[in-house]
Amino acid sequence: MRYTPDMIDESEFTLIPIRCGGPGGQNVNKVSSGIELRFDIHASSLSEAHKERLLQRNDHRISEAGVVVIQACTHRSQAENRAEAIARLEALIEAARNPPKKRIATKPTKASKKRRLEAKKRRSDLKRSRKGGED
């Protein structure tokens, strides 16, 4: 079964209202318009391979315990921040859906070798020209 972003069930993540800076003026100090989304990778309904790829990502939003924490505070309304947090989670999961492609080692072309050597020669000539000769 392939993953599609709308497959995340709302029971799999928690949304916590938080106070945060950003637009909103003085209202920012009294209203919790930001959203913190928490998604436990281990307890999710994703496939095991998908979970592994998510856990192996070098992302600061994924804790060592396997919990994704996303904070959305860019909008003035809680509803917009909620939608943005869910969209970011879906994007993160979608990015980890496919395994990374294997890199195929290639040899440098003759032209690239020639360009590299010419650049080295130009640099060498420049440095040599700076060296003052004896008068």
Protein backbone atom coordinates (compact mmCIF):
# COMPACT_ATOMS: atom_id res chain seq x y z
CA MET A 1 0.00 0.00 0.00
CA ARG A 2 1.50 3.35 -1.05
CA TYR A 3 1.39 6.34 1.28
CA THR A 4 -0.58 9.43 0.36
CA PRO A 5 -0.54 12.55 2.54
CA ASP A 6 -4.23 12.31 3.42
CA MET A 7 -3.60 8.89 5.05
CA ILE A 8 -2.38 10.43 8.31
CA ASP A 9 -5.16 9.94 10.79
CA GLU A 10 -5.69 12.86 13.15
CA SER A 11 -5.53 10.44 16.09
CA GLU A 12 -1.86 9.75 15.27
CA PHE A 13 -0.64 13.22 16.20
CA THR A 14 -1.39 15.71 18.93
CA LEU A 15 -1.86 19.44 18.50
CA ILE A 16 -0.95 21.65 21.46
CA PRO A 17 -1.74 25.38 21.42
CA ILE A 18 1.31 27.48 22.37
CA ARG A 19 2.15 31.13 22.71
CA CYS A 20 4.77 32.42 20.38
CA GLY A 21 6.06 35.62 18.83
CA GLY A 22 5.29 36.82 15.38
CA PRO A 23 2.39 38.82 13.96
CA GLY A 24 -0.47 39.69 16.25
CA GLY A 25 0.63 42.75 18.23
CA GLN A 26 -0.27 42.75 21.92
CA ASN A 27 -2.66 39.88 21.28
CA VAL A 28 0.42 37.63 20.99
CA ASN A 29 1.02 37.89 24.75
CA LYS A 30 -2.41 36.63 25.78
CA VAL A 31 -3.62 34.23 23.10
CA SER A 32 -2.13 30.84 22.28
CA SER A 33 -2.33 31.13 18.50
CA GLY A 34 0.71 28.97 17.74
CA ILE A 35 0.53 25.22 17.33
CA GLU A 36 2.96 22.51 18.38
CA LEU A 37 2.38 19.24 16.55
CA ARG A 38 3.76 15.99 18.01
CA PHE A 39 3.87 12.82 15.92
CA ASP A 40 5.26 9.56 17.33
CA ILE A 41 6.89 7.69 14.45
CA HIS A 42 7.01 4.36 16.30
CA ALA A 43 3.28 4.40 17.13
CA SER A 44 2.20 5.48 13.64
CA SER A 45 0.55 3.36 10.96
CA LEU A 46 3.42 3.88 8.49
CA SER A 47 5.26 0.87 7.10
CA GLU A 48 8.42 -0.27 8.88
CA ALA A 49 10.63 0.77 5.96
CA HIS A 50 9.04 4.21 5.93
CA LYS A 51 9.54 4.57 9.69
CA GLU A 52 13.22 3.63 9.33
CA ARG A 53 13.80 6.20 6.59
CA LEU A 54 12.10 8.86 8.72
CA LEU A 55 14.21 7.99 11.77
CA GLN A 56 17.44 8.04 9.74
CA ARG A 57 16.82 11.56 8.45
CA ASN A 58 19.14 14.19 9.87
CA ASP A 59 16.32 16.53 10.88
CA HIS A 60 16.33 18.67 14.02
CA ARG A 61 12.57 18.21 14.36
CA ILE A 62 12.90 14.46 15.04
CA SER A 63 13.91 13.63 18.62
CA GLU A 64 16.01 10.64 19.67
CA ALA A 65 12.83 9.02 20.97
CA GLY A 66 11.36 9.11 17.46
CA VAL A 67 8.90 11.95 18.02
CA VAL A 68 8.49 14.64 15.36
CA VAL A 69 7.92 18.07 16.92
CA ILE A 70 6.77 20.84 14.59
CA GLN A 71 6.00 24.38 15.78
CA ALA A 72 3.94 26.68 13.56
CA CYS A 73 3.73 30.32 14.61
CA THR A 74 3.79 32.27 11.37
CA HIS A 75 0.10 33.16 11.13
CA ARG A 76 -2.17 35.18 13.39
CA SER A 77 -4.91 32.57 13.61
CA GLN A 78 -4.66 29.20 15.28
CA ALA A 79 -6.52 27.52 12.41
CA GLU A 80 -3.96 28.69 9.84
CA ASN A 81 -1.06 27.59 12.08
CA ARG A 82 -2.76 24.21 12.56
CA ALA A 83 -3.08 23.72 8.80
CA GLU A 84 0.56 24.75 8.27
CA ALA A 85 1.84 22.33 10.95
CA ILE A 86 -0.09 19.43 9.37
CA ALA A 87 1.18 20.40 5.90
CA ARG A 88 4.79 20.43 7.18
CA LEU A 89 4.32 16.96 8.73
CA GLU A 90 2.88 15.64 5.47
CA ALA A 91 5.80 17.13 3.53
CA LEU A 92 8.31 15.51 5.91
CA ILE A 93 6.65 12.11 5.59
CA GLU A 94 6.36 12.47 1.80
CA ALA A 95 10.08 13.35 1.54
CA ALA A 96 11.00 10.13 3.36
CA ARG A 97 8.64 7.99 1.29
CA ASN A 98 11.10 6.89 -1.38
CA PRO A 99 14.55 5.51 -0.59
CA PRO A 100 17.41 7.75 -1.73
CA LYS A 101 18.87 6.93 -5.12
CA LYS A 102 22.25 5.24 -5.17
CA ARG A 103 25.02 7.43 -6.50
CA ILE A 104 26.76 6.02 -9.55
CA ALA A 105 30.47 6.82 -9.52
CA THR A 106 31.67 8.41 -12.75
CA LYS A 107 35.08 9.37 -14.07
CA PRO A 108 35.86 13.01 -14.76
CA THR A 109 35.76 13.89 -18.45
CA LYS A 110 38.87 14.91 -20.39
CA ALA A 111 37.49 18.43 -20.75
CA SER A 112 36.95 18.79 -16.99
CA LYS A 113 40.49 17.53 -16.31
CA LYS A 114 41.85 20.03 -18.83
CA ARG A 115 39.87 22.91 -17.25
CA ARG A 116 41.10 21.97 -13.78
CA LEU A 117 44.75 21.86 -14.90
CA GLU A 118 44.43 25.16 -16.78
CA ALA A 119 42.93 26.83 -13.70
CA LYS A 120 45.81 25.48 -11.59
CA LYS A 121 48.31 26.81 -14.14
CA ARG A 122 46.67 30.27 -14.17
CA ARG A 123 46.73 30.38 -10.37
CA SER A 124 50.35 29.25 -10.31
CA ASP A 125 51.33 31.92 -12.87
CA LEU A 126 49.53 34.58 -10.85
CA LYS A 127 51.34 33.63 -7.67
CA ARG A 128 54.67 33.41 -9.51
CA SER A 129 54.13 36.92 -10.96
CA ARG A 130 53.68 38.34 -7.44
CA LYS A 131 57.04 37.01 -6.36
CA GLY A 132 59.48 39.89 -6.67
CA GLY A 133 62.74 39.22 -8.44
CA GLU A 134 66.10 40.54 -7.24
CA ASP A 135 67.14 43.91 -8.67
